[in-house]
Amino acid sequence: MIKVDNLVKEYGDFRLDVSLEIPDGTVTGLIGKNGAGKSTTIKSILGLIRPDKGLVTINGREVSALTNSEKCMIGAAMSDSGFSMYLSAEDVIHILKKMYPLFDEAFFRKKCSDLGLPLNKQIKDYSTGMRAKLRVLIAISHKAQILIMDEPTAGLDIEARNETLDLLRHYLAENDRCSILITSHISSDLEGLCDDIYMISDGKVVVHEDTDVILGSYALLKMDPKTYDNLDKSYVISTRRDHNGVTCLTNERQFYTENYPDIIIENGNIDDLILYYSQNDTAESA
């Protein structure tokens, strides 16, 4: 289990102050606009930066106190890091064999073949999609029980995205106690993979919901200003006005379906959470 307990990290005017948990066998999504604090949270979990306050533990042990063998149980795919672009996948194999006692060379070689990743070509000559698949493959090739995936499908076409996500799905199917923390700006990736979602806005967790709840209970309510004035706003989270009328985000779809049959109600999704919670300059809190 990953547990982030009152983690505080300050950079100038920015302050991150979050708590979250990723139990064993759970895939958790971390969302929010750029600069919200997602990367700082992930780097704190990986021990790449030291919190100003709070505690980050993995399987009950503080991250800074993890032994080398315990660190080997963590796999990470970061969008802004990796092996030198002048190495080949064959070079990477030799490095991983020395780094990880449980590195599965046969699995790695087979997946390189399946995914069209040439072993002897330098990484700099890979396409964006090939590099993304290689990052994920490196993270899962040493029997990791905790995976940290930072934007693993960013900038990929639909085929490369599906292949990358399939790597994770197959790994989960074979390792049912594995935990994954994943960030992505592509809501459909998270909706099809994650058990629950945390949303960070301005350095704080503003939403934590099961993915099924977001897709089943959250909704957009669309109406004219007069209808909005008479609306019961008990379950309205945020409201936006434009030339087409008023749109509200709610987490109680059923209430408005039963009591307001004349307003337009559309399914809510992860993109709506980011839009309505993050863009406070054009949204008004209910």
Protein backbone atom coordinates (compact mmCIF):
# COMPACT_ATOMS: atom_id res chain seq x y z
CA MET A 1 0.00 0.00 0.00
CA ILE A 2 1.06 3.56 -0.73
CA LYS A 3 0.04 6.09 1.91
CA VAL A 4 0.60 9.83 1.65
CA ASP A 5 -0.22 11.42 5.01
CA ASN A 6 -0.47 15.23 5.14
CA LEU A 7 2.31 15.71 2.61
CA VAL A 8 3.39 19.36 2.40
CA LYS A 9 5.82 20.76 -0.15
CA GLU A 10 6.26 24.46 -0.91
CA TYR A 11 7.80 26.12 -3.96
CA GLY A 12 7.59 29.90 -3.73
CA ASP A 13 3.89 30.78 -3.79
CA PHE A 14 2.83 27.18 -4.49
CA ARG A 15 1.92 24.88 -1.60
CA LEU A 16 1.11 21.20 -1.98
CA ASP A 17 -0.87 19.74 0.93
CA VAL A 18 -2.32 16.30 0.16
CA SER A 19 -3.23 12.94 1.65
CA LEU A 20 -4.10 9.82 -0.31
CA GLU A 21 -3.97 6.02 -0.18
CA ILE A 22 -3.51 3.37 -2.87
CA PRO A 23 -4.35 -0.07 -1.38
CA ASP A 24 -2.89 -3.31 -2.70
CA GLY A 25 -4.52 -4.44 -5.94
CA THR A 26 -5.91 -1.00 -6.75
CA VAL A 27 -5.42 1.20 -9.81
CA THR A 28 -5.70 4.84 -8.78
CA GLY A 29 -5.84 7.80 -11.15
CA LEU A 30 -4.40 11.21 -10.24
CA ILE A 31 -5.86 14.10 -12.23
CA GLY A 32 -5.71 17.88 -12.33
CA LYS A 33 -4.60 20.65 -14.63
CA ASN A 34 -0.92 21.35 -15.24
CA GLY A 35 0.73 22.83 -12.15
CA ALA A 36 -1.86 21.39 -9.76
CA GLY A 37 0.73 19.28 -7.90
CA LYS A 38 0.52 15.85 -9.54
CA SER A 39 4.20 15.55 -10.45
CA THR A 40 5.32 16.82 -7.04
CA THR A 41 3.15 14.16 -5.39
CA ILE A 42 4.58 11.41 -7.57
CA LYS A 43 8.18 12.52 -7.03
CA SER A 44 7.57 12.56 -3.27
CA ILE A 45 6.24 8.99 -3.41
CA LEU A 46 9.32 7.91 -5.35
CA GLY A 47 11.63 9.67 -2.90
CA LEU A 48 12.96 12.00 -5.58
CA ILE A 49 12.11 15.05 -3.50
CA ARG A 50 11.87 15.44 0.26
CA PRO A 51 8.60 16.76 1.72
CA ASP A 52 8.67 19.80 3.99
CA LYS A 53 6.14 18.08 6.26
CA GLY A 54 4.15 14.88 6.35
CA LEU A 55 4.93 11.25 5.70
CA VAL A 56 5.00 8.99 2.64
CA THR A 57 5.05 5.25 3.31
CA ILE A 58 5.09 2.19 1.10
CA ASN A 59 3.97 -1.04 2.75
CA GLY A 60 4.27 0.68 6.11
CA ARG A 61 7.85 1.89 5.68
CA GLU A 62 8.85 5.49 5.15
CA VAL A 63 10.09 6.02 1.60
CA SER A 64 13.42 7.43 2.76
CA ALA A 65 14.04 4.24 4.80
CA LEU A 66 13.34 1.70 2.05
CA THR A 67 16.07 -0.84 1.43
CA ASN A 68 17.42 -1.47 -2.06
CA SER A 69 15.45 -4.72 -2.30
CA GLU A 70 12.26 -2.89 -1.29
CA LYS A 71 12.92 -0.19 -3.88
CA CYS A 72 13.22 -2.92 -6.51
CA MET A 73 9.53 -3.70 -5.95
CA ILE A 74 8.64 -0.29 -7.40
CA GLY A 75 8.42 0.34 -11.13
CA ALA A 76 8.18 3.86 -12.52
CA ALA A 77 7.52 5.30 -15.97
CA MET A 78 8.03 9.06 -15.92
CA SER A 79 7.26 11.21 -18.94
CA ASP A 80 10.32 13.42 -18.41
CA SER A 81 12.96 10.81 -17.55
CA GLY A 82 14.44 7.52 -18.65
CA PHE A 83 17.57 5.97 -20.06
CA SER A 84 19.95 7.87 -22.32
CA MET A 85 18.56 8.31 -25.81
CA TYR A 86 21.86 6.98 -27.18
CA LEU A 87 21.35 3.56 -25.64
CA SER A 88 19.60 0.70 -27.39
CA ALA A 89 17.06 -1.69 -25.88
CA GLU A 90 19.85 -4.28 -25.85
CA ASP A 91 21.93 -1.90 -23.71
CA VAL A 92 18.94 -1.39 -21.42
CA ILE A 93 18.67 -5.15 -20.91
CA HIS A 94 22.24 -5.33 -19.62
CA ILE A 95 21.60 -2.42 -17.23
CA LEU A 96 18.34 -3.85 -15.89
CA LYS A 97 19.96 -7.24 -15.26
CA LYS A 98 22.41 -5.53 -12.91
CA MET A 99 19.82 -3.27 -11.28
CA TYR A 100 17.02 -5.74 -10.57
CA PRO A 101 17.50 -9.30 -9.27
CA LEU A 102 14.03 -10.25 -10.55
CA PHE A 103 14.42 -8.74 -14.01
CA ASP A 104 12.75 -11.09 -16.51
CA GLU A 105 14.95 -10.93 -19.59
CA ALA A 106 12.90 -13.46 -21.57
CA PHE A 107 9.71 -11.48 -20.92
CA PHE A 108 11.42 -8.22 -21.89
CA ARG A 109 12.78 -9.62 -25.15
CA LYS A 110 9.44 -11.19 -26.09
CA LYS A 111 7.55 -7.96 -25.44
CA CYS A 112 10.07 -5.95 -27.46
CA SER A 113 9.37 -8.30 -30.34
CA ASP A 114 5.58 -8.19 -29.84
CA LEU A 115 5.57 -4.38 -29.63
CA GLY A 116 7.91 -3.75 -32.54
CA LEU A 117 10.76 -2.35 -30.43
CA PRO A 118 14.07 -3.05 -32.22
CA LEU A 119 16.71 -4.26 -29.78
CA ASN A 120 19.69 -2.74 -31.57
CA LYS A 121 18.28 0.65 -32.57
CA GLN A 122 19.13 3.66 -30.39
CA ILE A 123 16.21 5.00 -28.36
CA LYS A 124 16.62 8.41 -30.03
CA ASP A 125 15.56 6.75 -33.30
CA TYR A 126 12.37 5.33 -31.76
CA SER A 127 9.04 7.00 -32.44
CA THR A 128 7.20 8.71 -29.57
CA GLY A 129 4.94 5.68 -29.24
CA MET A 130 7.85 3.25 -29.16
CA ARG A 131 9.54 5.23 -26.41
CA ALA A 132 6.36 5.26 -24.35
CA LYS A 133 5.95 1.50 -24.68
CA LEU A 134 9.59 0.98 -23.73
CA ARG A 135 9.19 3.10 -20.56
CA VAL A 136 6.22 1.03 -19.43
CA LEU A 137 7.92 -2.24 -20.35
CA ILE A 138 10.99 -1.29 -18.28
CA ALA A 139 8.73 -0.54 -15.30
CA ILE A 140 6.94 -3.90 -15.37
CA SER A 141 9.82 -6.19 -16.35
CA HIS A 142 11.23 -6.80 -12.86
CA LYS A 143 8.15 -8.11 -11.01
CA ALA A 144 7.27 -4.73 -9.50
CA GLN A 145 4.38 -4.73 -7.04
CA ILE A 146 3.89 -0.97 -7.19
CA LEU A 147 3.79 0.93 -10.48
CA ILE A 148 3.96 4.70 -10.80
CA MET A 149 2.90 5.84 -14.28
CA ASP A 150 3.21 9.57 -15.09
CA GLU A 151 1.40 10.37 -18.37
CA PRO A 152 2.29 7.01 -19.98
CA THR A 153 0.12 7.68 -23.06
CA ALA A 154 0.81 11.39 -23.60
CA GLY A 155 1.21 12.33 -27.26
CA LEU A 156 0.42 8.85 -28.59
CA ASP A 157 -1.93 7.90 -31.41
CA ILE A 158 -4.83 5.58 -30.62
CA GLU A 159 -2.98 2.39 -31.62
CA ALA A 160 0.09 3.16 -29.50
CA ARG A 161 -2.15 4.21 -26.59
CA ASN A 162 -4.04 0.93 -26.69
CA GLU A 163 -0.85 -1.11 -26.87
CA THR A 164 0.61 0.77 -23.91
CA LEU A 165 -2.54 0.35 -21.82
CA ASP A 166 -2.76 -3.32 -22.79
CA LEU A 167 0.70 -3.80 -21.28
CA LEU A 168 -0.66 -2.56 -17.97
CA ARG A 169 -3.91 -4.54 -18.21
CA HIS A 170 -2.09 -7.81 -18.89
CA TYR A 171 0.33 -7.13 -16.06
CA LEU A 172 -2.56 -6.50 -13.68
CA ALA A 173 -4.29 -9.69 -14.76
CA GLU A 174 -1.19 -11.67 -13.79
CA ASN A 175 -0.37 -9.68 -10.63
CA ASP A 176 -3.67 -9.08 -8.83
CA ARG A 177 -2.02 -7.51 -5.76
CA CYS A 178 -0.10 -4.96 -7.80
CA SER A 179 -0.96 -1.31 -7.10
CA ILE A 180 -0.80 1.38 -9.78
CA LEU A 181 -0.83 5.16 -9.50
CA ILE A 182 -1.32 6.74 -12.91
CA THR A 183 -1.70 10.29 -14.19
CA SER A 184 -3.16 11.15 -17.57
CA HIS A 185 -4.89 13.98 -19.40
CA ILE A 186 -6.83 11.40 -21.44
CA SER A 187 -9.97 10.69 -19.45
CA SER A 188 -10.98 7.57 -21.39
CA ASP A 189 -7.67 5.92 -20.43
CA LEU A 190 -8.38 6.47 -16.74
CA GLU A 191 -12.07 5.58 -16.94
CA GLY A 192 -11.25 2.21 -18.46
CA LEU A 193 -8.38 1.36 -16.11
CA CYS A 194 -8.80 3.00 -12.69
CA ASP A 195 -10.72 1.83 -9.64
CA ASP A 196 -10.75 5.30 -8.11
CA ILE A 197 -9.71 8.86 -8.89
CA TYR A 198 -8.06 11.62 -6.87
CA MET A 199 -8.22 15.14 -8.24
CA ILE A 200 -5.73 17.80 -7.15
CA SER A 201 -6.45 21.48 -7.66
CA ASP A 202 -4.11 24.24 -6.46
CA GLY A 203 -2.14 21.77 -4.37
CA LYS A 204 -5.10 20.16 -2.55
CA VAL A 205 -7.21 17.05 -3.05
CA VAL A 206 -10.67 18.32 -4.00
CA VAL A 207 -12.22 15.03 -5.15
CA HIS A 208 -11.74 11.39 -4.26
CA GLU A 209 -14.31 9.05 -5.78
CA ASP A 210 -14.59 5.55 -7.16
CA THR A 211 -14.51 5.73 -10.95
CA ASP A 212 -17.92 4.02 -11.11
CA VAL A 213 -19.39 6.78 -8.94
CA ILE A 214 -18.00 9.50 -11.20
CA LEU A 215 -19.45 7.84 -14.29
CA GLY A 216 -22.74 6.88 -12.66
CA SER A 217 -23.60 9.72 -10.28
CA TYR A 218 -21.92 12.83 -11.68
CA ALA A 219 -23.78 14.76 -14.39
CA LEU A 220 -24.05 18.06 -16.19
CA LEU A 221 -27.33 19.93 -15.80
CA LYS A 222 -28.14 22.35 -18.63
CA MET A 223 -30.91 24.95 -18.40
CA ASP A 224 -31.89 28.56 -19.00
CA PRO A 225 -31.18 31.23 -16.33
CA LYS A 226 -34.79 31.32 -15.09
CA THR A 227 -34.84 27.57 -14.48
CA TYR A 228 -31.51 27.87 -12.70
CA ASP A 229 -32.86 30.55 -10.37
CA ASN A 230 -35.57 28.12 -9.20
CA LEU A 231 -33.29 25.08 -9.05
CA ASP A 232 -32.62 23.29 -5.76
CA LYS A 233 -28.86 23.75 -5.60
CA SER A 234 -28.24 21.40 -2.66
CA TYR A 235 -26.27 19.01 -4.85
CA VAL A 236 -24.74 21.47 -7.31
CA ILE A 237 -20.93 21.46 -7.09
CA SER A 238 -20.08 24.20 -9.56
CA THR A 239 -21.87 26.39 -12.09
CA ARG A 240 -20.87 27.93 -15.40
CA ARG A 241 -22.74 30.55 -17.43
CA ASP A 242 -22.37 31.31 -21.13
CA HIS A 243 -24.48 32.60 -24.02
CA ASN A 244 -26.28 29.23 -24.24
CA GLY A 245 -27.52 29.36 -20.64
CA VAL A 246 -26.33 27.76 -17.39
CA THR A 247 -24.56 24.44 -16.87
CA CYS A 248 -24.04 22.85 -13.44
CA LEU A 249 -21.93 19.95 -12.28
CA THR A 250 -23.62 17.67 -9.75
CA ASN A 251 -22.71 14.41 -8.03
CA GLU A 252 -26.39 13.51 -7.50
CA ARG A 253 -27.65 12.78 -11.00
CA GLN A 254 -30.61 10.74 -9.75
CA PHE A 255 -32.00 13.58 -7.63
CA TYR A 256 -32.24 15.94 -10.59
CA THR A 257 -33.48 13.21 -12.93
CA GLU A 258 -36.40 12.51 -10.59
CA ASN A 259 -37.24 16.11 -9.68
CA TYR A 260 -36.43 18.12 -12.82
CA PRO A 261 -37.61 16.17 -15.87
CA ASP A 262 -37.52 19.29 -18.08
CA ILE A 263 -33.80 20.12 -17.79
CA ILE A 264 -31.12 18.53 -19.94
CA ILE A 265 -29.00 16.03 -18.03
CA GLU A 266 -25.82 14.67 -19.56
CA ASN A 267 -23.41 12.04 -18.23
CA GLY A 268 -20.49 13.45 -16.26
CA ASN A 269 -16.91 12.29 -16.71
CA ILE A 270 -13.37 12.97 -15.56
CA ASP A 271 -12.92 15.84 -18.01
CA ASP A 272 -15.90 17.59 -16.43
CA LEU A 273 -14.31 17.30 -12.97
CA ILE A 274 -11.15 18.98 -14.19
CA LEU A 275 -13.05 21.72 -16.02
CA TYR A 276 -15.49 22.59 -13.25
CA TYR A 277 -13.14 22.27 -10.29
CA SER A 278 -10.07 23.86 -11.85
CA GLN A 279 -11.29 26.78 -13.92
CA ASN A 280 -12.47 28.96 -11.08
CA ASP A 281 -12.03 32.06 -13.18
CA THR A 282 -15.08 31.17 -15.26
CA ALA A 283 -16.99 28.98 -12.81
CA GLU A 284 -18.89 29.94 -9.71
CA SER A 285 -19.07 27.72 -6.68
CA ALA A 286 -22.56 26.75 -5.67
